Amino acid sequence: VKEVANLSLVSSACDVVSAAYASTKESHPYLRSVCDAAEKGVRSVTEATASCVQPVLDTLEPHVSAASEYASKGLEKLGEKLPLLQKPVEQIVSDTMELVSSRVADVKDAVSS
């Protein structure tokens, strides 16, 4: 999970969503109170779940470790095949806009010819 979260694409997407969430909370007082209540509930559930699940995780640790290693290797191969994962969202959007703009210009030139 940490490795996935550290991918530029995932990390920057989380930053964009987080900024939008914070901006929405700031701009809309009614939503802020709903969001604050939801956050408090999620924190409570997370804390309760963590204390219950920890003994199970301790028992399963060798299996989780092996699965984590396997997943890490798979993620590494995926990163090699999809270099897009190493780019932030802003760069992907910018590159896509450039590509679309270029293709539109090509079509425009072809039509005018």
Protein backbone atom coordinates (compact mmCIF):
# COMPACT_ATOMS: atom_id res chain seq x y z
CA VAL A 1 0.00 0.00 0.00
CA LYS A 2 2.84 2.37 0.84
CA GLU A 3 4.51 1.71 -2.51
CA VAL A 4 1.28 2.37 -4.40
CA ALA A 5 0.72 5.55 -2.38
CA ASN A 6 4.23 6.70 -3.27
CA LEU A 7 3.65 6.44 -7.03
CA SER A 8 3.65 9.96 -8.47
CA LEU A 9 0.30 9.47 -10.18
CA VAL A 10 -1.41 8.18 -7.03
CA SER A 11 0.27 10.68 -4.72
CA SER A 12 -0.57 13.69 -6.89
CA ALA A 13 -4.14 12.46 -7.43
CA CYS A 14 -4.55 12.20 -3.65
CA ASP A 15 -3.19 15.74 -3.30
CA VAL A 16 -5.69 17.05 -5.87
CA VAL A 17 -8.61 15.28 -4.17
CA SER A 18 -7.46 16.45 -0.74
CA ALA A 19 -7.20 20.06 -1.91
CA ALA A 20 -10.67 19.88 -3.50
CA TYR A 21 -12.09 18.37 -0.30
CA ALA A 22 -10.50 21.07 1.87
CA SER A 23 -11.69 23.80 -0.48
CA THR A 24 -15.23 22.42 -0.49
CA LYS A 25 -15.28 22.23 3.31
CA GLU A 26 -14.02 25.79 3.52
CA SER A 27 -16.52 27.14 0.99
CA HIS A 28 -19.65 25.39 2.24
CA PRO A 29 -20.31 25.59 6.01
CA TYR A 30 -23.15 23.04 5.91
CA LEU A 31 -20.96 20.50 4.14
CA ARG A 32 -18.16 21.24 6.59
CA SER A 33 -20.25 20.08 9.54
CA VAL A 34 -21.31 16.92 7.69
CA CYS A 35 -17.72 16.20 6.65
CA ASP A 36 -16.42 16.82 10.18
CA ALA A 37 -18.98 14.37 11.58
CA ALA A 38 -18.07 11.78 8.93
CA GLU A 39 -14.35 12.20 9.64
CA LYS A 40 -14.95 11.73 13.36
CA GLY A 41 -16.95 8.56 12.67
CA VAL A 42 -14.28 7.17 10.37
CA ARG A 43 -11.59 7.85 12.98
CA SER A 44 -13.62 6.04 15.65
CA VAL A 45 -14.28 3.04 13.43
CA THR A 46 -10.64 2.92 12.34
CA GLU A 47 -9.39 2.94 15.93
CA ALA A 48 -11.86 0.24 17.00
CA THR A 49 -11.07 -1.92 13.99
CA ALA A 50 -7.31 -1.54 14.43
CA SER A 51 -7.42 -2.84 18.00
CA CYS A 52 -9.56 -5.86 16.98
CA VAL A 53 -7.61 -6.71 13.85
CA GLN A 54 -4.09 -6.39 15.27
CA PRO A 55 -3.99 -9.88 16.88
CA VAL A 56 -5.09 -11.43 13.57
CA LEU A 57 -2.46 -9.44 11.68
CA ASP A 58 0.22 -10.59 14.10
CA THR A 59 -0.76 -14.21 13.43
CA LEU A 60 -0.85 -13.71 9.67
CA GLU A 61 2.33 -11.60 9.52
CA PRO A 62 4.52 -14.18 7.70
CA HIS A 63 1.84 -14.62 5.03
CA VAL A 64 1.25 -10.88 4.74
CA SER A 65 4.99 -10.35 4.38
CA ALA A 66 5.22 -12.89 1.54
CA ALA A 67 2.19 -11.37 -0.20
CA SER A 68 3.67 -7.91 0.21
CA GLU A 69 6.93 -8.98 -1.38
CA TYR A 70 5.07 -10.58 -4.30
CA ALA A 71 2.92 -7.47 -4.73
CA SER A 72 6.00 -5.27 -4.65
CA LYS A 73 7.60 -7.21 -7.49
CA GLY A 74 4.37 -7.01 -9.49
CA LEU A 75 4.15 -3.27 -8.90
CA GLU A 76 7.74 -2.88 -10.03
CA LYS A 77 6.96 -4.68 -13.31
CA LEU A 78 3.79 -2.64 -13.75
CA GLY A 79 5.80 0.56 -13.27
CA GLU A 80 8.21 -0.54 -15.99
CA LYS A 81 5.38 -1.25 -18.44
CA LEU A 82 3.35 1.85 -17.52
CA PRO A 83 5.72 4.79 -17.05
CA LEU A 84 2.58 6.90 -16.75
CA LEU A 85 2.42 5.80 -13.09
CA GLN A 86 5.59 7.76 -12.40
CA LYS A 87 4.10 11.07 -13.61
CA PRO A 88 1.98 13.46 -11.54
CA VAL A 89 -1.63 14.08 -12.58
CA GLU A 90 -0.85 17.64 -13.68
CA GLN A 91 1.79 16.43 -16.14
CA ILE A 92 -0.49 13.73 -17.53
CA VAL A 93 -3.27 16.28 -18.08
CA SER A 94 -0.82 18.70 -19.69
CA ASP A 95 0.64 16.01 -21.98
CA THR A 96 -2.86 14.86 -22.95
CA MET A 97 -3.95 18.40 -23.76
CA GLU A 98 -0.85 18.91 -25.91
CA LEU A 99 -1.49 15.66 -27.75
CA VAL A 100 -5.16 16.51 -28.38
CA SER A 101 -4.23 20.02 -29.48
CA SER A 102 -1.65 18.63 -31.88
CA ARG A 103 -4.11 16.12 -33.34
CA VAL A 104 -6.78 18.81 -33.75
CA ALA A 105 -4.25 21.02 -35.54
CA ASP A 106 -3.33 18.11 -37.83
CA VAL A 107 -7.00 17.47 -38.65
CA LYS A 108 -7.56 21.19 -39.19
CA ASP A 109 -4.63 21.34 -41.60
CA ALA A 110 -5.85 18.24 -43.44
CA VAL A 111 -9.37 19.66 -43.78
CA SER A 112 -8.14 23.02 -45.01
CA SER A 113 -5.90 21.32 -47.58
